[in-house]
Amino acid sequence: MFWLDSIITYVGIIYGVLLVLATLVRNKITEAFRIDALFMAQPTEATRKINLVAGVAIIAYNIYAMF
């Protein structure tokens, strides 16, 4: 069961990196993963910063969960 936990943790870190990239880079791949586009009716450039905060929080939690 340890390998499944590791896979989920690594996928979480990758998703966090994608969220951080969604703040900085604008292309089709990163736009699909934006949290503000999923939960807000009309996401704007001002709401794009939510992805940075969420991405760093997800990365930090998953690194904490590894140890």
C-alpha atoms as a PDB file:
ATOM      1  CA  MET A   1       0.000   0.000   0.000  1.00  0.00           C
ATOM      2  CA  PHE A   2       2.988   2.309   0.431  1.00  0.00           C
ATOM      3  CA  TRP A   3       3.491   2.578  -3.339  1.00  0.00           C
ATOM      4  CA  LEU A   4      -0.076   3.854  -3.804  1.00  0.00           C
ATOM      5  CA  ASP A   5       0.477   6.536  -1.173  1.00  0.00           C
ATOM      6  CA  SER A   6       3.676   7.571  -2.928  1.00  0.00           C
ATOM      7  CA  ILE A   7       1.970   7.765  -6.309  1.00  0.00           C
ATOM      8  CA  ILE A   8      -0.843   9.923  -4.925  1.00  0.00           C
ATOM      9  CA  THR A   9       1.689  12.200  -3.231  1.00  0.00           C
ATOM     10  CA  TYR A  10       3.740  12.620  -6.411  1.00  0.00           C
ATOM     11  CA  VAL A  11       0.598  13.310  -8.450  1.00  0.00           C
ATOM     12  CA  GLY A  12      -0.343  15.971  -5.894  1.00  0.00           C
ATOM     13  CA  ILE A  13       3.052  17.617  -6.253  1.00  0.00           C
ATOM     14  CA  ILE A  14       2.735  17.582 -10.051  1.00  0.00           C
ATOM     15  CA  TYR A  15      -0.728  19.141  -9.822  1.00  0.00           C
ATOM     16  CA  GLY A  16       0.632  21.834  -7.499  1.00  0.00           C
ATOM     17  CA  VAL A  17       3.361  22.618 -10.015  1.00  0.00           C
ATOM     18  CA  LEU A  18       0.711  22.821 -12.765  1.00  0.00           C
ATOM     19  CA  LEU A  19      -1.254  25.301 -10.682  1.00  0.00           C
ATOM     20  CA  VAL A  20       1.810  27.463 -10.170  1.00  0.00           C
ATOM     21  CA  LEU A  21       2.493  27.291 -13.901  1.00  0.00           C
ATOM     22  CA  ALA A  22      -1.133  28.253 -14.580  1.00  0.00           C
ATOM     23  CA  THR A  23      -0.385  31.512 -12.808  1.00  0.00           C
ATOM     24  CA  LEU A  24       2.702  32.239 -14.885  1.00  0.00           C
ATOM     25  CA  VAL A  25       2.148  30.555 -18.274  1.00  0.00           C
ATOM     26  CA  ARG A  26      -0.926  30.849 -20.465  1.00  0.00           C
ATOM     27  CA  ASN A  27      -1.539  27.881 -22.761  1.00  0.00           C
ATOM     28  CA  LYS A  28      -4.187  25.179 -23.281  1.00  0.00           C
ATOM     29  CA  ILE A  29      -2.693  22.694 -20.825  1.00  0.00           C
ATOM     30  CA  THR A  30      -2.369  25.063 -17.880  1.00  0.00           C
ATOM     31  CA  GLU A  31      -5.741  26.702 -18.573  1.00  0.00           C
ATOM     32  CA  ALA A  32      -7.451  23.325 -18.169  1.00  0.00           C
ATOM     33  CA  PHE A  33      -6.123  22.922 -14.618  1.00  0.00           C
ATOM     34  CA  ARG A  34      -6.930  26.382 -13.240  1.00  0.00           C
ATOM     35  CA  ILE A  35      -8.876  26.245  -9.969  1.00  0.00           C
ATOM     36  CA  ASP A  36     -10.420  29.678 -10.418  1.00  0.00           C
ATOM     37  CA  ALA A  37     -11.829  28.634 -13.817  1.00  0.00           C
ATOM     38  CA  LEU A  38     -13.404  25.551 -12.247  1.00  0.00           C
ATOM     39  CA  PHE A  39     -15.174  27.254  -9.340  1.00  0.00           C
ATOM     40  CA  MET A  40     -15.850  30.838 -10.451  1.00  0.00           C
ATOM     41  CA  ALA A  41     -18.471  31.883 -12.966  1.00  0.00           C
ATOM     42  CA  GLN A  42     -16.249  34.404 -14.756  1.00  0.00           C
ATOM     43  CA  PRO A  43     -12.549  33.993 -14.007  1.00  0.00           C
ATOM     44  CA  THR A  44     -10.345  36.964 -14.808  1.00  0.00           C
ATOM     45  CA  GLU A  45      -6.660  37.777 -14.695  1.00  0.00           C
ATOM     46  CA  ALA A  46      -7.140  39.035 -11.126  1.00  0.00           C
ATOM     47  CA  THR A  47      -8.444  35.640  -9.970  1.00  0.00           C
ATOM     48  CA  ARG A  48      -5.511  33.818 -11.581  1.00  0.00           C
ATOM     49  CA  LYS A  49      -3.467  34.465  -8.409  1.00  0.00           C
ATOM     50  CA  ILE A  50      -5.653  31.953  -6.535  1.00  0.00           C
ATOM     51  CA  ASN A  51      -3.852  29.214  -8.465  1.00  0.00           C
ATOM     52  CA  LEU A  52      -0.486  30.329  -7.109  1.00  0.00           C
ATOM     53  CA  VAL A  53      -1.666  30.192  -3.504  1.00  0.00           C
ATOM     54  CA  ALA A  54      -3.428  26.850  -3.988  1.00  0.00           C
ATOM     55  CA  GLY A  55      -0.480  25.377  -5.870  1.00  0.00           C
ATOM     56  CA  VAL A  56       2.047  26.297  -3.195  1.00  0.00           C
ATOM     57  CA  ALA A  57      -0.284  24.970  -0.481  1.00  0.00           C
ATOM     58  CA  ILE A  58      -0.775  21.664  -2.322  1.00  0.00           C
ATOM     59  CA  ILE A  59       2.959  21.266  -2.924  1.00  0.00           C
ATOM     60  CA  ALA A  60       3.759  22.050   0.716  1.00  0.00           C
ATOM     61  CA  TYR A  61       1.163  19.614   2.037  1.00  0.00           C
ATOM     62  CA  ASN A  62       2.357  16.795  -0.196  1.00  0.00           C
ATOM     63  CA  ILE A  63       6.010  17.348   0.708  1.00  0.00           C
ATOM     64  CA  TYR A  64       4.967  17.340   4.377  1.00  0.00           C
ATOM     65  CA  ALA A  65       3.033  14.105   3.819  1.00  0.00           C
ATOM     66  CA  MET A  66       6.120  12.428   2.332  1.00  0.00           C
ATOM     67  CA  PHE A  67       7.972  12.711   5.648  1.00  0.00           C
END
